Amino acid sequence: MAVREVVEIDEELCDGCGDCIPACAEGAIQIIDGKARLIGDMYCDGLGACLGICPQGAITVIHREADSFDERAVEQHLSSLAARGGVAAGVTLPMAQGQAPAPACPGSRTASWDGPQVASTSGEEVTSGLRQWPVQLHLLAPTAPFLNNSEVLLAADCVAYAVGGFHRDHLAGRALAIACPKLDSHQEIYVEKLAAMIDDGGISELTVMVMEVPCCSGLVQLVREAQRQATRTVPVKALVVGVRGNILGQQPL
């Protein structure tokens, strides 16, 4: 062992959101018992790629005695995770003595792809406009590569179900984030994340798409506050959708 830089997670501050998991390319952090935990010093390179992702500020990099970073162990660890599948971030997984930690959530891993995705429905091919994963704003890393220089669509959860041509008319060519201003918790994190997407993620434009119901206006207010906190300025507009799926109006913010 030697004294080196390694990640430390404050369990009292951690709320188990899992945002840090896709930011760690080595798979060194996993959600166990509802908290993010460093599962092994040998998997942590100490560079702190996860540092700015945590919305609670629970992650720091400290100097302490730790096992050396082992690239071969990391490769084996990532191969093992891929082979074993995964569980949802935030699910309570108590560890018995000697039990291997549960793998990171595949649903939180950052991925993007080029070209349309085609699904077959009753023999008819339908093109998907989705370009990346994840899409839930809580899970989306604000510096994900697919956000750089991209137009972003922030849609309330109900929008895609109400608008028949959602993929074709609104999602195609854009990165997607979804959120519910009524049911999602810790919405203050959304303001910080959206501001970081503007400043650090390098997005080129933001469209917020909400339903006409009163609770949905909260998402527009979160975007306004993120605009106020951000140091960069990007075009931002809002689209309001009627409960029958028609576009009621559009306005710049």
Protein backbone atom coordinates (compact mmCIF):
# COMPACT_ATOMS: atom_id res chain seq x y z
CA MET A 1 0.00 0.00 0.00
CA ALA A 2 0.99 3.60 -0.58
CA VAL A 3 -0.48 7.01 0.20
CA ARG A 4 -2.29 8.24 -2.90
CA GLU A 5 -5.41 10.07 -4.06
CA VAL A 6 -8.62 8.07 -3.83
CA VAL A 7 -12.34 8.85 -3.76
CA GLU A 8 -14.18 9.19 -0.45
CA ILE A 9 -18.00 9.20 -0.17
CA ASP A 10 -19.81 10.84 2.75
CA GLU A 11 -22.66 8.44 3.50
CA GLU A 12 -24.57 11.07 5.46
CA LEU A 13 -24.71 13.37 2.43
CA CYS A 14 -25.30 10.63 -0.17
CA ASP A 15 -28.97 10.15 -1.10
CA GLY A 16 -28.37 7.11 -3.32
CA CYS A 17 -29.41 8.82 -6.57
CA GLY A 18 -26.79 6.88 -8.58
CA ASP A 19 -25.66 9.84 -10.72
CA CYS A 20 -22.03 9.03 -9.91
CA ILE A 21 -22.19 5.48 -11.28
CA PRO A 22 -22.12 6.22 -15.04
CA ALA A 23 -19.42 8.85 -14.41
CA CYS A 24 -17.01 6.18 -13.14
CA ALA A 25 -15.57 4.37 -16.15
CA GLU A 26 -13.89 1.83 -13.87
CA GLY A 27 -17.09 0.73 -12.13
CA ALA A 28 -15.56 1.55 -8.75
CA ILE A 29 -18.80 2.96 -7.31
CA GLN A 30 -22.00 1.00 -6.77
CA ILE A 31 -25.25 1.50 -4.86
CA ILE A 32 -25.32 -0.76 -1.80
CA ASP A 33 -27.90 -0.47 0.98
CA GLY A 34 -29.22 2.67 -0.71
CA LYS A 35 -25.87 4.49 -0.65
CA ALA A 36 -23.07 5.00 -3.15
CA ARG A 37 -19.99 3.12 -1.99
CA LEU A 38 -16.43 2.71 -3.25
CA ILE A 39 -16.21 -1.06 -3.63
CA GLY A 40 -12.43 -1.32 -3.86
CA ASP A 41 -9.43 1.00 -3.80
CA MET A 42 -7.80 -0.92 -6.65
CA TYR A 43 -10.65 0.13 -8.99
CA CYS A 44 -10.35 3.86 -8.23
CA ASP A 45 -7.81 5.85 -10.26
CA GLY A 46 -8.22 8.89 -7.99
CA LEU A 47 -8.82 11.29 -10.88
CA GLY A 48 -12.28 12.23 -9.58
CA ALA A 49 -14.37 12.06 -12.77
CA CYS A 50 -17.36 11.48 -10.48
CA LEU A 51 -16.60 14.56 -8.37
CA GLY A 52 -18.71 17.19 -10.10
CA ILE A 53 -21.58 14.79 -10.84
CA CYS A 54 -22.82 14.29 -7.27
CA PRO A 55 -25.73 16.70 -6.64
CA GLN A 56 -25.23 16.45 -2.87
CA GLY A 57 -21.47 17.13 -2.84
CA ALA A 58 -20.92 13.80 -1.09
CA ILE A 59 -17.82 12.83 -3.09
CA THR A 60 -14.33 14.16 -2.48
CA VAL A 61 -10.82 13.04 -3.38
CA ILE A 62 -8.50 12.57 -0.42
CA HIS A 63 -4.94 11.41 0.25
CA ARG A 64 -4.79 8.20 2.26
CA GLU A 65 -3.14 4.82 2.36
CA ALA A 66 -4.77 2.67 -0.32
CA ASP A 67 -4.15 -0.26 -2.64
CA SER A 68 -2.56 0.76 -5.94
CA PHE A 69 -4.83 1.33 -8.93
CA ASP A 70 -4.87 -1.93 -10.93
CA GLU A 71 -5.89 -1.65 -14.59
CA ARG A 72 -6.01 -5.41 -15.06
CA ALA A 73 -8.30 -5.79 -12.04
CA VAL A 74 -10.53 -3.06 -13.48
CA GLU A 75 -10.80 -4.90 -16.81
CA GLN A 76 -11.77 -8.12 -15.03
CA HIS A 77 -14.22 -6.24 -12.81
CA LEU A 78 -15.94 -4.57 -15.78
CA SER A 79 -16.14 -7.88 -17.63
CA SER A 80 -17.73 -9.45 -14.57
CA LEU A 81 -20.29 -6.64 -14.31
CA ALA A 82 -21.21 -6.99 -17.97
CA ALA A 83 -21.63 -10.75 -17.62
CA ARG A 84 -23.77 -10.56 -14.48
CA GLY A 85 -26.24 -7.90 -15.61
CA GLY A 86 -27.41 -5.28 -13.12
CA VAL A 87 -30.00 -3.95 -10.69
CA ALA A 88 -31.71 -0.60 -10.43
CA ALA A 89 -29.71 2.13 -8.73
CA GLY A 90 -31.07 2.88 -5.29
CA VAL A 91 -32.43 -0.64 -4.63
CA THR A 92 -31.43 -1.81 -1.16
CA LEU A 93 -28.94 -4.63 -1.49
CA PRO A 94 -27.58 -5.70 1.91
CA MET A 95 -24.18 -7.38 1.69
CA ALA A 96 -23.53 -10.52 3.64
CA GLN A 97 -19.98 -11.18 4.81
CA GLY A 98 -17.91 -12.33 1.87
CA GLN A 99 -20.68 -11.57 -0.63
CA ALA A 100 -19.67 -9.86 -3.89
CA PRO A 101 -21.17 -6.39 -4.34
CA ALA A 102 -24.09 -6.01 -6.72
CA PRO A 103 -23.22 -4.66 -10.19
CA ALA A 104 -23.89 -1.10 -11.20
CA CYS A 105 -27.20 -0.26 -12.83
CA PRO A 106 -27.10 -0.73 -16.63
CA GLY A 107 -30.00 1.71 -16.83
CA SER A 108 -27.68 4.47 -15.62
CA ARG A 109 -24.84 3.83 -18.07
CA THR A 110 -24.26 6.53 -20.63
CA ALA A 111 -24.74 5.41 -24.24
CA SER A 112 -25.44 7.09 -27.56
CA TRP A 113 -25.91 5.87 -31.11
CA ASP A 114 -26.12 7.16 -34.65
CA GLY A 115 -28.96 6.64 -37.08
CA PRO A 116 -32.66 5.88 -36.52
CA GLN A 117 -33.79 2.95 -34.41
CA VAL A 118 -36.57 0.94 -36.01
CA ALA A 119 -39.20 -1.04 -34.13
CA SER A 120 -41.87 -3.24 -35.66
CA THR A 121 -45.47 -2.83 -34.55
CA SER A 122 -48.01 -5.19 -36.13
CA GLY A 123 -45.78 -5.47 -39.18
CA GLU A 124 -45.37 -1.72 -39.58
CA GLU A 125 -41.91 -0.22 -39.07
CA VAL A 126 -41.82 2.80 -36.75
CA THR A 127 -38.69 4.93 -36.49
CA SER A 128 -37.55 6.03 -33.02
CA GLY A 129 -35.97 9.44 -32.60
CA LEU A 130 -34.13 8.48 -29.41
CA ARG A 131 -30.37 9.02 -29.69
CA GLN A 132 -29.05 8.26 -26.21
CA TRP A 133 -29.47 6.68 -22.78
CA PRO A 134 -30.30 7.43 -20.00
CA VAL A 135 -33.14 9.91 -20.41
CA GLN A 136 -34.42 10.54 -16.86
CA LEU A 137 -32.99 13.87 -15.69
CA HIS A 138 -31.94 12.46 -12.31
CA LEU A 139 -29.76 9.87 -14.08
CA LEU A 140 -28.43 12.10 -16.84
CA ALA A 141 -24.83 13.27 -16.41
CA PRO A 142 -24.67 16.98 -17.35
CA THR A 143 -21.33 16.47 -19.13
CA ALA A 144 -22.37 13.36 -21.09
CA PRO A 145 -20.65 13.43 -24.52
CA PHE A 146 -23.94 13.29 -26.43
CA LEU A 147 -24.98 16.64 -24.94
CA ASN A 148 -22.05 18.58 -26.36
CA ASN A 149 -23.24 20.98 -29.09
CA SER A 150 -26.66 19.28 -29.10
CA GLU A 151 -30.18 20.59 -29.04
CA VAL A 152 -31.84 19.23 -25.90
CA LEU A 153 -35.52 18.45 -25.41
CA LEU A 154 -36.63 18.47 -21.78
CA ALA A 155 -40.08 16.85 -21.75
CA ALA A 156 -42.53 16.32 -18.94
CA ASP A 157 -43.19 12.61 -18.48
CA CYS A 158 -46.73 12.73 -19.92
CA VAL A 159 -45.80 14.56 -23.13
CA ALA A 160 -44.66 11.55 -25.17
CA TYR A 161 -47.90 9.72 -24.37
CA ALA A 162 -50.07 12.66 -25.38
CA VAL A 163 -48.35 13.72 -28.63
CA GLY A 164 -48.84 11.19 -31.41
CA GLY A 165 -45.89 12.38 -33.51
CA PHE A 166 -43.55 13.00 -30.58
CA HIS A 167 -40.54 11.14 -32.01
CA ARG A 168 -40.96 12.42 -35.56
CA ASP A 169 -41.90 16.04 -34.86
CA HIS A 170 -40.09 16.90 -31.62
CA LEU A 171 -37.45 14.34 -30.60
CA ALA A 172 -35.67 13.64 -33.89
CA GLY A 173 -32.19 15.18 -33.92
CA ARG A 174 -32.26 16.13 -30.23
CA ALA A 175 -30.93 14.72 -26.99
CA LEU A 176 -33.72 13.91 -24.52
CA ALA A 177 -34.28 14.46 -20.81
CA ILE A 178 -37.55 13.70 -19.03
CA ALA A 179 -38.85 14.83 -15.65
CA CYS A 180 -42.09 15.23 -13.71
CA PRO A 181 -42.40 18.51 -11.77
CA LYS A 182 -45.16 17.04 -9.58
CA LEU A 183 -43.89 13.58 -8.66
CA ASP A 184 -40.08 13.77 -8.83
CA SER A 185 -38.24 14.43 -5.57
CA HIS A 186 -35.18 16.66 -5.01
CA GLN A 187 -36.14 19.01 -7.83
CA GLU A 188 -33.57 21.56 -6.65
CA ILE A 189 -31.02 19.19 -8.17
CA TYR A 190 -32.68 19.70 -11.54
CA VAL A 191 -31.83 23.40 -11.50
CA GLU A 192 -28.16 22.68 -10.80
CA LYS A 193 -28.06 19.94 -13.42
CA LEU A 194 -29.70 22.03 -16.14
CA ALA A 195 -27.35 24.93 -15.41
CA ALA A 196 -24.40 22.52 -15.62
CA MET A 197 -25.70 21.18 -18.95
CA ILE A 198 -25.63 24.74 -20.28
CA ASP A 199 -22.26 25.73 -18.81
CA ASP A 200 -20.29 22.47 -18.76
CA GLY A 201 -22.21 20.14 -21.05
CA GLY A 202 -22.05 22.58 -23.96
CA ILE A 203 -25.64 22.19 -25.14
CA SER A 204 -26.58 24.48 -28.03
CA GLU A 205 -30.32 24.88 -27.40
CA LEU A 206 -32.94 23.83 -24.86
CA THR A 207 -36.63 23.19 -25.50
CA VAL A 208 -38.89 22.43 -22.54
CA MET A 209 -42.11 20.65 -23.44
CA VAL A 210 -44.92 20.52 -20.86
CA MET A 211 -48.59 19.67 -20.58
CA GLU A 212 -51.22 22.37 -20.09
CA VAL A 213 -52.04 21.13 -16.56
CA PRO A 214 -50.96 23.57 -13.80
CA CYS A 215 -48.40 21.30 -12.11
CA CYS A 216 -46.41 21.05 -15.35
CA SER A 217 -45.57 24.76 -15.26
CA GLY A 218 -43.12 23.94 -12.49
CA LEU A 219 -40.76 22.44 -15.06
CA VAL A 220 -40.70 25.74 -16.95
CA GLN A 221 -39.87 27.55 -13.70
CA LEU A 222 -36.97 25.16 -13.07
CA VAL A 223 -35.62 25.95 -16.53
CA ARG A 224 -35.96 29.69 -15.91
CA GLU A 225 -33.98 29.37 -12.68
CA ALA A 226 -31.31 27.28 -14.43
CA GLN A 227 -31.03 30.03 -17.07
CA ARG A 228 -30.53 32.57 -14.30
CA GLN A 229 -27.78 30.53 -12.64
CA ALA A 230 -25.94 29.57 -15.84
CA THR A 231 -23.08 31.75 -17.09
CA ARG A 232 -23.59 30.79 -20.74
CA THR A 233 -26.60 31.89 -22.75
CA VAL A 234 -28.33 29.46 -25.12
CA PRO A 235 -31.69 29.72 -26.91
CA VAL A 236 -34.47 28.36 -24.68
CA LYS A 237 -38.11 27.94 -25.60
CA ALA A 238 -41.22 26.34 -24.13
CA LEU A 239 -43.91 24.28 -25.87
CA VAL A 240 -47.27 23.70 -24.18
CA VAL A 241 -49.21 20.55 -25.07
CA GLY A 242 -52.95 20.14 -24.61
CA VAL A 243 -54.31 17.08 -22.84
CA ARG A 244 -55.50 15.79 -26.23
CA GLY A 245 -52.00 16.03 -27.69
CA ASN A 246 -52.26 19.27 -29.67
CA ILE A 247 -49.65 22.03 -29.41
CA LEU A 248 -51.29 24.99 -27.70
CA GLY A 249 -48.43 27.44 -27.92
CA GLN A 250 -44.70 28.15 -28.09
CA GLN A 251 -42.71 30.94 -26.52
CA PRO A 252 -39.05 31.86 -25.98
CA LEU A 253 -37.83 31.97 -22.38
